[in-house]
């Protein structure tokens, strides 16, 4: 009996723990709103952060044990534990209940976005929830480009800072634009000339699930963030005895364990 109770307790606990965190984008750009846990397949987001991104004029407050949002004569309320939102007095039913975690009101993403005619697309390969507002203008990148760029960044920059992750992504994108290399992200990563260009392709770590920060870095790179200019090469001197790049390319900068060259 004791073992059965323990098993039931652990099973219930696992159901309440988030399996992962989602990365949010709004019209193709990173949306940073804090914790975005995924519970049983439902992405939860902070009401304040997402609502103010979708409706900047919204005034967020807390009254009578519930979160409130007011804009243009509208009133939205979210009470922790309720499986619905109240919008101008009408119930918006949800599959999951409102949560209160560390003083923040978390609500399921899709019902909130539906209030503003904002489409939500889930990309399982990168755990990205892509929000598309009406009449949005998008950066020109595809889901498969984000998929592979986030994986090479994650594999090549384990333990590196944000700037180092951005730098790895910059090198890949600079190669895509260069006539010296293939003209797609996939082509650059899997370019097999000279025995291959990237160690994670050879050892298989490029196929591992990328970290959340690496996905965010990939989105940032695709939106133009850059820390190494027009660099086309990088290496970790402590891990390689190949000095061709150091002897034949112009040094640009060092970030973390990597040296970058153009």
C-alpha atoms as a PDB file:
ATOM      1  CA  UNK A   1       0.000   0.000   0.000  1.00  0.00           C
ATOM      2  CA  UNK A   2       2.803   2.406   0.895  1.00  0.00           C
ATOM      3  CA  UNK A   3       4.503   1.755  -2.450  1.00  0.00           C
ATOM      4  CA  UNK A   4       1.194   2.334  -4.288  1.00  0.00           C
ATOM      5  CA  UNK A   5       0.615   5.656  -2.494  1.00  0.00           C
ATOM      6  CA  UNK A   6       4.159   6.744  -3.294  1.00  0.00           C
ATOM      7  CA  UNK A   7       3.668   5.879  -6.960  1.00  0.00           C
ATOM      8  CA  UNK A   8       0.380   7.789  -7.091  1.00  0.00           C
ATOM      9  CA  UNK A   9       1.957  10.801  -5.406  1.00  0.00           C
ATOM     10  CA  UNK A  10       4.881  10.885  -7.821  1.00  0.00           C
ATOM     11  CA  UNK A  11       2.549  10.501 -10.797  1.00  0.00           C
ATOM     12  CA  UNK A  12       0.446  13.427  -9.621  1.00  0.00           C
ATOM     13  CA  UNK A  13       3.565  15.497  -9.029  1.00  0.00           C
ATOM     14  CA  UNK A  14       4.870  14.822 -12.527  1.00  0.00           C
ATOM     15  CA  UNK A  15       1.567  15.980 -14.013  1.00  0.00           C
ATOM     16  CA  UNK A  16       1.979  19.356 -12.281  1.00  0.00           C
ATOM     17  CA  UNK A  17       5.556  19.945 -13.415  1.00  0.00           C
ATOM     18  CA  UNK A  18       6.240  21.748 -16.698  1.00  0.00           C
ATOM     19  CA  UNK A  19       7.836  19.458 -19.279  1.00  0.00           C
ATOM     20  CA  UNK A  20       9.685  22.350 -20.900  1.00  0.00           C
ATOM     21  CA  UNK A  21       9.510  26.053 -21.541  1.00  0.00           C
ATOM     22  CA  UNK A  22       8.304  27.563 -24.790  1.00  0.00           C
ATOM     23  CA  UNK A  23      10.093  30.254 -26.749  1.00  0.00           C
ATOM     24  CA  UNK A  24       7.703  32.969 -27.921  1.00  0.00           C
ATOM     25  CA  UNK A  25       7.967  35.028 -31.076  1.00  0.00           C
ATOM     26  CA  UNK A  26       5.624  37.786 -32.164  1.00  0.00           C
ATOM     27  CA  UNK A  27       5.588  38.433 -35.903  1.00  0.00           C
ATOM     28  CA  UNK A  28       8.903  36.599 -36.199  1.00  0.00           C
ATOM     29  CA  UNK A  29      10.722  38.483 -33.440  1.00  0.00           C
ATOM     30  CA  UNK A  30      11.629  37.316 -29.954  1.00  0.00           C
ATOM     31  CA  UNK A  31       9.022  38.060 -27.313  1.00  0.00           C
ATOM     32  CA  UNK A  32      10.599  38.112 -23.863  1.00  0.00           C
ATOM     33  CA  UNK A  33       7.954  37.962 -21.158  1.00  0.00           C
ATOM     34  CA  UNK A  34       9.508  35.744 -18.477  1.00  0.00           C
ATOM     35  CA  UNK A  35       8.575  32.166 -17.636  1.00  0.00           C
ATOM     36  CA  UNK A  36       6.555  30.341 -20.312  1.00  0.00           C
ATOM     37  CA  UNK A  37       6.090  26.783 -18.986  1.00  0.00           C
ATOM     38  CA  UNK A  38       4.332  24.015 -20.880  1.00  0.00           C
ATOM     39  CA  UNK A  39       1.967  21.912 -18.751  1.00  0.00           C
ATOM     40  CA  UNK A  40       0.456  18.788 -20.318  1.00  0.00           C
ATOM     41  CA  UNK A  41       0.806  20.223 -23.800  1.00  0.00           C
ATOM     42  CA  UNK A  42      -0.527  23.695 -22.920  1.00  0.00           C
ATOM     43  CA  UNK A  43       1.758  26.716 -23.121  1.00  0.00           C
ATOM     44  CA  UNK A  44       1.232  29.117 -20.232  1.00  0.00           C
ATOM     45  CA  UNK A  45       2.312  32.759 -20.379  1.00  0.00           C
ATOM     46  CA  UNK A  46       2.351  35.688 -17.946  1.00  0.00           C
ATOM     47  CA  UNK A  47      -0.846  37.639 -18.504  1.00  0.00           C
ATOM     48  CA  UNK A  48       0.864  41.002 -18.079  1.00  0.00           C
ATOM     49  CA  UNK A  49       3.784  40.406 -20.449  1.00  0.00           C
ATOM     50  CA  UNK A  50       1.844  38.944 -23.365  1.00  0.00           C
ATOM     51  CA  UNK A  51      -1.166  41.218 -23.038  1.00  0.00           C
ATOM     52  CA  UNK A  52       1.024  44.324 -23.071  1.00  0.00           C
ATOM     53  CA  UNK A  53       2.838  43.008 -26.151  1.00  0.00           C
ATOM     54  CA  UNK A  54      -0.469  42.461 -27.948  1.00  0.00           C
ATOM     55  CA  UNK A  55      -2.170  45.560 -26.543  1.00  0.00           C
ATOM     56  CA  UNK A  56       0.380  48.115 -25.250  1.00  0.00           C
ATOM     57  CA  UNK A  57      -2.313  50.428 -23.858  1.00  0.00           C
ATOM     58  CA  UNK A  58      -3.697  47.741 -21.531  1.00  0.00           C
ATOM     59  CA  UNK A  59      -3.613  48.579 -17.816  1.00  0.00           C
ATOM     60  CA  UNK A  60      -2.915  45.490 -15.707  1.00  0.00           C
ATOM     61  CA  UNK A  61      -3.896  45.234 -12.038  1.00  0.00           C
ATOM     62  CA  UNK A  62      -4.995  42.923  -9.213  1.00  0.00           C
ATOM     63  CA  UNK A  63      -8.399  43.255  -7.586  1.00  0.00           C
ATOM     64  CA  UNK A  64     -10.439  40.955  -5.361  1.00  0.00           C
ATOM     65  CA  UNK A  65      -8.149  37.967  -5.813  1.00  0.00           C
ATOM     66  CA  UNK A  66      -7.913  38.146  -9.583  1.00  0.00           C
ATOM     67  CA  UNK A  67      -5.807  39.759 -12.296  1.00  0.00           C
ATOM     68  CA  UNK A  68      -7.518  42.518 -14.261  1.00  0.00           C
ATOM     69  CA  UNK A  69      -6.759  44.180 -17.587  1.00  0.00           C
ATOM     70  CA  UNK A  70      -8.513  47.272 -18.946  1.00  0.00           C
ATOM     71  CA  UNK A  71      -8.199  48.870 -22.370  1.00  0.00           C
ATOM     72  CA  UNK A  72     -10.513  50.917 -24.580  1.00  0.00           C
ATOM     73  CA  UNK A  73     -13.506  50.239 -22.361  1.00  0.00           C
ATOM     74  CA  UNK A  74     -12.852  46.480 -22.200  1.00  0.00           C
ATOM     75  CA  UNK A  75     -12.333  44.455 -19.025  1.00  0.00           C
ATOM     76  CA  UNK A  76     -10.565  41.096 -18.827  1.00  0.00           C
ATOM     77  CA  UNK A  77     -10.228  39.171 -15.569  1.00  0.00           C
ATOM     78  CA  UNK A  78      -8.328  35.985 -14.738  1.00  0.00           C
ATOM     79  CA  UNK A  79      -8.813  34.301 -11.367  1.00  0.00           C
ATOM     80  CA  UNK A  80      -6.290  31.604 -10.343  1.00  0.00           C
ATOM     81  CA  UNK A  81      -7.980  28.204 -10.367  1.00  0.00           C
ATOM     82  CA  UNK A  82     -10.712  29.162 -12.847  1.00  0.00           C
ATOM     83  CA  UNK A  83     -10.865  27.323 -16.176  1.00  0.00           C
ATOM     84  CA  UNK A  84     -12.113  30.419 -17.956  1.00  0.00           C
ATOM     85  CA  UNK A  85     -11.347  34.087 -18.531  1.00  0.00           C
ATOM     86  CA  UNK A  86     -14.014  36.765 -18.144  1.00  0.00           C
ATOM     87  CA  UNK A  87     -14.077  39.240 -21.030  1.00  0.00           C
ATOM     88  CA  UNK A  88     -16.601  42.042 -20.624  1.00  0.00           C
ATOM     89  CA  UNK A  89     -18.667  39.707 -18.462  1.00  0.00           C
ATOM     90  CA  UNK A  90     -18.636  36.749 -20.873  1.00  0.00           C
ATOM     91  CA  UNK A  91     -16.822  33.506 -20.100  1.00  0.00           C
ATOM     92  CA  UNK A  92     -14.032  32.323 -22.385  1.00  0.00           C
ATOM     93  CA  UNK A  93     -13.641  28.624 -21.600  1.00  0.00           C
ATOM     94  CA  UNK A  94     -10.185  27.024 -21.467  1.00  0.00           C
ATOM     95  CA  UNK A  95      -8.895  23.455 -21.254  1.00  0.00           C
ATOM     96  CA  UNK A  96      -6.582  24.380 -18.376  1.00  0.00           C
ATOM     97  CA  UNK A  97      -6.995  26.598 -15.318  1.00  0.00           C
ATOM     98  CA  UNK A  98      -5.398  29.957 -14.593  1.00  0.00           C
ATOM     99  CA  UNK A  99      -2.278  29.555 -12.450  1.00  0.00           C
ATOM    100  CA  UNK A 100      -0.549  31.812  -9.937  1.00  0.00           C
ATOM    101  CA  UNK A 101       3.209  31.228  -9.690  1.00  0.00           C
ATOM    102  CA  UNK A 102       5.706  33.431  -7.867  1.00  0.00           C
ATOM    103  CA  UNK A 103       3.240  36.301  -7.829  1.00  0.00           C
ATOM    104  CA  UNK A 104       2.521  36.147 -11.559  1.00  0.00           C
ATOM    105  CA  UNK A 105      -0.749  35.203 -13.213  1.00  0.00           C
ATOM    106  CA  UNK A 106      -0.190  32.564 -15.893  1.00  0.00           C
ATOM    107  CA  UNK A 107      -2.859  31.814 -18.489  1.00  0.00           C
ATOM    108  CA  UNK A 108      -3.033  29.452 -21.476  1.00  0.00           C
ATOM    109  CA  UNK A 109      -1.611  31.216 -24.516  1.00  0.00           C
ATOM    110  CA  UNK A 110      -4.159  30.458 -27.242  1.00  0.00           C
ATOM    111  CA  UNK A 111      -7.347  31.824 -25.605  1.00  0.00           C
ATOM    112  CA  UNK A 112      -5.547  35.050 -24.727  1.00  0.00           C
ATOM    113  CA  UNK A 113      -4.233  35.496 -28.254  1.00  0.00           C
ATOM    114  CA  UNK A 114      -7.648  34.766 -29.752  1.00  0.00           C
ATOM    115  CA  UNK A 115      -8.993  37.937 -28.113  1.00  0.00           C
ATOM    116  CA  UNK A 116      -6.705  39.941 -30.394  1.00  0.00           C
ATOM    117  CA  UNK A 117      -7.125  37.835 -33.548  1.00  0.00           C
ATOM    118  CA  UNK A 118      -3.548  36.682 -33.097  1.00  0.00           C
ATOM    119  CA  UNK A 119      -2.724  33.292 -34.601  1.00  0.00           C
ATOM    120  CA  UNK A 120      -0.558  30.827 -32.664  1.00  0.00           C
ATOM    121  CA  UNK A 121       1.521  28.182 -34.451  1.00  0.00           C
ATOM    122  CA  UNK A 122       3.426  25.574 -32.442  1.00  0.00           C
ATOM    123  CA  UNK A 123       6.774  24.389 -33.857  1.00  0.00           C
ATOM    124  CA  UNK A 124       7.585  21.191 -32.004  1.00  0.00           C
ATOM    125  CA  UNK A 125      11.146  20.904 -33.338  1.00  0.00           C
ATOM    126  CA  UNK A 126      12.222  24.099 -31.566  1.00  0.00           C
ATOM    127  CA  UNK A 127       9.469  24.477 -28.926  1.00  0.00           C
ATOM    128  CA  UNK A 128       8.591  27.834 -30.452  1.00  0.00           C
ATOM    129  CA  UNK A 129       5.110  29.302 -30.131  1.00  0.00           C
ATOM    130  CA  UNK A 130       4.934  31.701 -33.070  1.00  0.00           C
ATOM    131  CA  UNK A 131       2.377  34.484 -32.655  1.00  0.00           C
ATOM    132  CA  UNK A 132       1.119  36.246 -35.775  1.00  0.00           C
ATOM    133  CA  UNK A 133      -0.782  39.492 -35.313  1.00  0.00           C
ATOM    134  CA  UNK A 134      -3.218  40.773 -37.943  1.00  0.00           C
ATOM    135  CA  UNK A 135      -1.534  42.416 -40.948  1.00  0.00           C
ATOM    136  CA  UNK A 136       1.908  41.516 -39.579  1.00  0.00           C
ATOM    137  CA  UNK A 137       5.156  41.990 -41.493  1.00  0.00           C
ATOM    138  CA  UNK A 138       7.527  39.071 -41.013  1.00  0.00           C
ATOM    139  CA  UNK A 139      11.290  38.661 -41.169  1.00  0.00           C
ATOM    140  CA  UNK A 140      12.162  36.397 -44.089  1.00  0.00           C
ATOM    141  CA  UNK A 141      13.129  33.102 -42.446  1.00  0.00           C
ATOM    142  CA  UNK A 142      11.536  29.687 -42.516  1.00  0.00           C
ATOM    143  CA  UNK A 143      10.865  27.170 -39.771  1.00  0.00           C
ATOM    144  CA  UNK A 144      13.531  24.767 -41.096  1.00  0.00           C
ATOM    145  CA  UNK A 145      16.135  27.556 -40.972  1.00  0.00           C
ATOM    146  CA  UNK A 146      15.366  28.197 -37.299  1.00  0.00           C
ATOM    147  CA  UNK A 147      15.384  24.440 -36.672  1.00  0.00           C
ATOM    148  CA  UNK A 148      18.938  23.900 -37.968  1.00  0.00           C
ATOM    149  CA  UNK A 149      20.444  27.207 -36.864  1.00  0.00           C
ATOM    150  CA  UNK A 150      19.308  26.657 -33.269  1.00  0.00           C
ATOM    151  CA  UNK A 151      20.828  23.159 -33.306  1.00  0.00           C
ATOM    152  CA  UNK A 152      24.254  24.187 -34.570  1.00  0.00           C
ATOM    153  CA  UNK A 153      24.346  27.094 -32.116  1.00  0.00           C
ATOM    154  CA  UNK A 154      23.430  24.781 -29.247  1.00  0.00           C
ATOM    155  CA  UNK A 155      25.981  22.117 -30.216  1.00  0.00           C
ATOM    156  CA  UNK A 156      28.848  24.516 -30.963  1.00  0.00           C
ATOM    157  CA  UNK A 157      28.401  26.928 -28.050  1.00  0.00           C
ATOM    158  CA  UNK A 158      27.688  24.773 -25.013  1.00  0.00           C
ATOM    159  CA  UNK A 159      28.704  26.825 -21.984  1.00  0.00           C
ATOM    160  CA  UNK A 160      29.179  30.022 -24.002  1.00  0.00           C
ATOM    161  CA  UNK A 161      27.577  33.344 -23.124  1.00  0.00           C
ATOM    162  CA  UNK A 162      24.743  34.924 -25.129  1.00  0.00           C
ATOM    163  CA  UNK A 163      27.220  36.894 -27.278  1.00  0.00           C
ATOM    164  CA  UNK A 164      29.082  33.673 -28.049  1.00  0.00           C
ATOM    165  CA  UNK A 165      25.914  31.939 -29.165  1.00  0.00           C
ATOM    166  CA  UNK A 166      25.011  34.884 -31.378  1.00  0.00           C
ATOM    167  CA  UNK A 167      28.518  34.814 -32.847  1.00  0.00           C
ATOM    168  CA  UNK A 168      28.242  31.162 -33.909  1.00  0.00           C
ATOM    169  CA  UNK A 169      24.932  31.912 -35.591  1.00  0.00           C
ATOM    170  CA  UNK A 170      26.453  34.954 -37.299  1.00  0.00           C
ATOM    171  CA  UNK A 171      29.191  32.842 -38.863  1.00  0.00           C
ATOM    172  CA  UNK A 172      26.642  30.418 -40.313  1.00  0.00           C
ATOM    173  CA  UNK A 173      24.511  33.237 -41.751  1.00  0.00           C
ATOM    174  CA  UNK A 174      27.574  35.075 -43.091  1.00  0.00           C
ATOM    175  CA  UNK A 175      28.530  31.912 -44.948  1.00  0.00           C
ATOM    176  CA  UNK A 176      25.029  31.659 -46.429  1.00  0.00           C
ATOM    177  CA  UNK A 177      25.544  35.163 -47.877  1.00  0.00           C
ATOM    178  CA  UNK A 178      29.099  34.427 -49.086  1.00  0.00           C
ATOM    179  CA  UNK A 179      29.849  33.033 -52.538  1.00  0.00           C
ATOM    180  CA  UNK A 180      32.483  30.767 -50.942  1.00  0.00           C
ATOM    181  CA  UNK A 181      29.864  28.565 -49.264  1.00  0.00           C
ATOM    182  CA  UNK A 182      26.438  26.984 -49.909  1.00  0.00           C
ATOM    183  CA  UNK A 183      23.539  29.424 -49.929  1.00  0.00           C
ATOM    184  CA  UNK A 184      21.293  27.769 -47.316  1.00  0.00           C
ATOM    185  CA  UNK A 185      21.668  27.244 -43.567  1.00  0.00           C
ATOM    186  CA  UNK A 186      21.334  23.496 -43.983  1.00  0.00           C
ATOM    187  CA  UNK A 187      23.866  23.524 -46.815  1.00  0.00           C
ATOM    188  CA  UNK A 188      26.402  25.479 -44.767  1.00  0.00           C
ATOM    189  CA  UNK A 189      26.057  23.239 -41.727  1.00  0.00           C
ATOM    190  CA  UNK A 190      26.349  20.004 -43.694  1.00  0.00           C
ATOM    191  CA  UNK A 191      28.977  21.221 -46.182  1.00  0.00           C
ATOM    192  CA  UNK A 192      31.297  18.191 -46.345  1.00  0.00           C
ATOM    193  CA  UNK A 193      34.267  19.773 -48.097  1.00  0.00           C
ATOM    194  CA  UNK A 194      37.601  19.302 -46.342  1.00  0.00           C
ATOM    195  CA  UNK A 195      36.122  16.603 -44.128  1.00  0.00           C
ATOM    196  CA  UNK A 196      33.193  18.702 -42.941  1.00  0.00           C
ATOM    197  CA  UNK A 197      32.923  22.199 -41.535  1.00  0.00           C
ATOM    198  CA  UNK A 198      31.499  21.639 -38.056  1.00  0.00           C
ATOM    199  CA  UNK A 199      32.482  19.073 -35.437  1.00  0.00           C
ATOM    200  CA  UNK A 200      28.879  18.589 -34.190  1.00  0.00           C
ATOM    201  CA  UNK A 201      27.979  17.243 -37.634  1.00  0.00           C
ATOM    202  CA  UNK A 202      30.755  14.675 -37.399  1.00  0.00           C
ATOM    203  CA  UNK A 203      29.959  13.599 -33.827  1.00  0.00           C
ATOM    204  CA  UNK A 204      26.172  13.799 -34.191  1.00  0.00           C
ATOM    205  CA  UNK A 205      25.454  16.401 -31.511  1.00  0.00           C
ATOM    206  CA  UNK A 206      23.892  18.683 -34.136  1.00  0.00           C
ATOM    207  CA  UNK A 207      20.862  16.382 -33.961  1.00  0.00           C
ATOM    208  CA  UNK A 208      20.355  16.934 -30.231  1.00  0.00           C
ATOM    209  CA  UNK A 209      17.457  19.056 -28.979  1.00  0.00           C
ATOM    210  CA  UNK A 210      18.713  22.647 -28.698  1.00  0.00           C
ATOM    211  CA  UNK A 211      18.658  24.585 -25.454  1.00  0.00           C
ATOM    212  CA  UNK A 212      16.003  27.254 -24.999  1.00  0.00           C
ATOM    213  CA  UNK A 213      18.671  29.979 -25.046  1.00  0.00           C
ATOM    214  CA  UNK A 214      20.065  28.633 -28.317  1.00  0.00           C
ATOM    215  CA  UNK A 215      16.631  28.836 -29.923  1.00  0.00           C
ATOM    216  CA  UNK A 216      16.330  32.423 -28.711  1.00  0.00           C
ATOM    217  CA  UNK A 217      19.798  33.186 -30.067  1.00  0.00           C
ATOM    218  CA  UNK A 218      18.874  31.703 -33.447  1.00  0.00           C
ATOM    219  CA  UNK A 219      15.789  33.914 -33.650  1.00  0.00           C
ATOM    220  CA  UNK A 220      17.890  36.939 -32.683  1.00  0.00           C
ATOM    221  CA  UNK A 221      20.475  36.134 -35.381  1.00  0.00           C
ATOM    222  CA  UNK A 222      17.775  35.718 -38.011  1.00  0.00           C
ATOM    223  CA  UNK A 223      16.481  39.140 -36.994  1.00  0.00           C
ATOM    224  CA  UNK A 224      19.898  40.757 -37.465  1.00  0.00           C
ATOM    225  CA  UNK A 225      21.663  40.681 -34.088  1.00  0.00           C
ATOM    226  CA  UNK A 226      25.415  40.463 -34.689  1.00  0.00           C
ATOM    227  CA  UNK A 227      28.489  40.309 -32.452  1.00  0.00           C
ATOM    228  CA  UNK A 228      31.262  39.370 -34.911  1.00  0.00           C
ATOM    229  CA  UNK A 229      30.633  41.429 -38.037  1.00  0.00           C
ATOM    230  CA  UNK A 230      31.439  39.583 -41.266  1.00  0.00           C
ATOM    231  CA  UNK A 231      33.337  36.676 -39.678  1.00  0.00           C
ATOM    232  CA  UNK A 232      33.275  33.444 -41.676  1.00  0.00           C
ATOM    233  CA  UNK A 233      35.316  31.164 -39.415  1.00  0.00           C
ATOM    234  CA  UNK A 234      35.714  30.353 -35.744  1.00  0.00           C
ATOM    235  CA  UNK A 235      37.757  27.857 -33.790  1.00  0.00           C
ATOM    236  CA  UNK A 236      38.564  26.899 -30.231  1.00  0.00           C
ATOM    237  CA  UNK A 237      42.400  26.965 -30.011  1.00  0.00           C
ATOM    238  CA  UNK A 238      42.399  24.715 -26.959  1.00  0.00           C
ATOM    239  CA  UNK A 239      40.557  21.991 -28.865  1.00  0.00           C
ATOM    240  CA  UNK A 240      42.199  21.983 -32.300  1.00  0.00           C
ATOM    241  CA  UNK A 241      45.626  21.663 -33.865  1.00  0.00           C
ATOM    242  CA  UNK A 242      44.401  22.957 -37.247  1.00  0.00           C
ATOM    243  CA  UNK A 243      46.106  26.322 -37.699  1.00  0.00           C
ATOM    244  CA  UNK A 244      45.037  26.993 -41.291  1.00  0.00           C
ATOM    245  CA  UNK A 245      42.436  29.573 -40.269  1.00  0.00           C
ATOM    246  CA  UNK A 246      44.832  31.396 -37.940  1.00  0.00           C
ATOM    247  CA  UNK A 247      47.503  31.537 -40.642  1.00  0.00           C
ATOM    248  CA  UNK A 248      45.301  32.437 -43.611  1.00  0.00           C
ATOM    249  CA  UNK A 249      42.394  34.536 -42.289  1.00  0.00           C
ATOM    250  CA  UNK A 250      42.155  37.923 -40.596  1.00  0.00           C
ATOM    251  CA  UNK A 251      41.499  37.773 -36.874  1.00  0.00           C
ATOM    252  CA  UNK A 252      38.340  39.602 -35.714  1.00  0.00           C
ATOM    253  CA  UNK A 253      37.730  38.926 -32.027  1.00  0.00           C
ATOM    254  CA  UNK A 254      37.578  36.374 -29.219  1.00  0.00           C
ATOM    255  CA  UNK A 255      34.357  35.507 -27.415  1.00  0.00           C
ATOM    256  CA  UNK A 256      34.577  32.876 -24.719  1.00  0.00           C
ATOM    257  CA  UNK A 257      36.528  29.858 -25.977  1.00  0.00           C
ATOM    258  CA  UNK A 258      36.205  30.789 -29.668  1.00  0.00           C
ATOM    259  CA  UNK A 259      38.411  32.922 -31.904  1.00  0.00           C
ATOM    260  CA  UNK A 260      36.673  34.475 -34.906  1.00  0.00           C
ATOM    261  CA  UNK A 261      38.145  35.255 -38.339  1.00  0.00           C
ATOM    262  CA  UNK A 262      36.901  36.813 -41.574  1.00  0.00           C
END
